[in-house]
Amino acid sequence: MAYYINEDCISCGACEPECVVSCISAGDEIYLIDEETCVDCGACAGVCPVDAPKPR
């Protein structure tokens, strides 16, 4: 299972440096997670101020 970032994302960037496999990047409007690379660690969810990263 992988995480994804929902539409609640405010593009603050807090999640990107926390990703242990560097699978988070800035998209056009919100941050995106490469679900093929995600290892389901949840580090991104732990730092997000709006709880946008969710497990699939």
Protein backbone atom coordinates (compact mmCIF):
# COMPACT_ATOMS: atom_id res chain seq x y z
CA MET A 1 0.00 0.00 0.00
CA ALA A 2 1.17 3.55 -0.66
CA TYR A 3 0.26 7.03 0.46
CA TYR A 4 -1.29 9.71 -1.73
CA ILE A 5 -1.86 13.41 -1.08
CA ASN A 6 -5.47 14.57 -1.19
CA GLU A 7 -6.92 17.94 -2.21
CA ASP A 8 -6.55 19.30 1.35
CA CYS A 9 -2.84 19.91 0.57
CA ILE A 10 -1.83 23.56 1.05
CA SER A 11 1.52 23.11 -0.76
CA CYS A 12 3.55 24.03 2.32
CA GLY A 13 6.28 21.52 1.45
CA ALA A 14 6.66 20.10 4.95
CA CYS A 15 6.27 16.53 3.68
CA GLU A 16 8.92 16.56 0.94
CA PRO A 17 12.08 16.57 3.11
CA GLU A 18 10.61 13.94 5.45
CA CYS A 19 10.19 11.30 2.73
CA VAL A 20 12.77 8.55 3.28
CA VAL A 21 12.70 7.48 -0.39
CA SER A 22 12.33 10.96 -1.95
CA CYS A 23 9.06 10.15 -3.72
CA ILE A 24 7.28 13.44 -2.95
CA SER A 25 7.47 16.36 -5.35
CA ALA A 26 5.68 19.63 -6.01
CA GLY A 27 2.86 19.33 -8.51
CA ASP A 28 1.04 22.13 -10.29
CA GLU A 29 -1.32 22.79 -7.37
CA ILE A 30 -0.54 20.24 -4.64
CA TYR A 31 2.36 17.97 -3.72
CA LEU A 32 2.38 14.52 -5.30
CA ILE A 33 3.60 11.11 -4.14
CA ASP A 34 5.03 8.59 -6.61
CA GLU A 35 3.04 5.60 -5.41
CA GLU A 36 5.40 3.15 -7.15
CA THR A 37 8.28 4.36 -4.96
CA CYS A 38 6.39 5.00 -1.70
CA VAL A 39 7.26 2.53 1.07
CA ASP A 40 4.21 3.35 3.21
CA CYS A 41 6.25 4.68 6.14
CA GLY A 42 3.84 7.53 6.97
CA ALA A 43 6.57 10.08 7.70
CA CYS A 44 4.83 12.59 5.43
CA ALA A 45 1.54 12.21 7.26
CA GLY A 46 3.26 12.83 10.57
CA VAL A 47 4.41 16.33 9.61
CA CYS A 48 1.51 17.55 7.46
CA PRO A 49 -0.38 20.41 9.14
CA VAL A 50 -3.63 19.62 7.28
CA ASP A 51 -3.47 15.80 7.28
CA ALA A 52 -3.39 15.60 3.46
CA PRO A 53 -1.27 12.43 3.02
CA LYS A 54 -3.51 9.37 3.32
CA PRO A 55 -2.86 5.65 2.92
CA ARG A 56 -4.44 4.04 -0.12
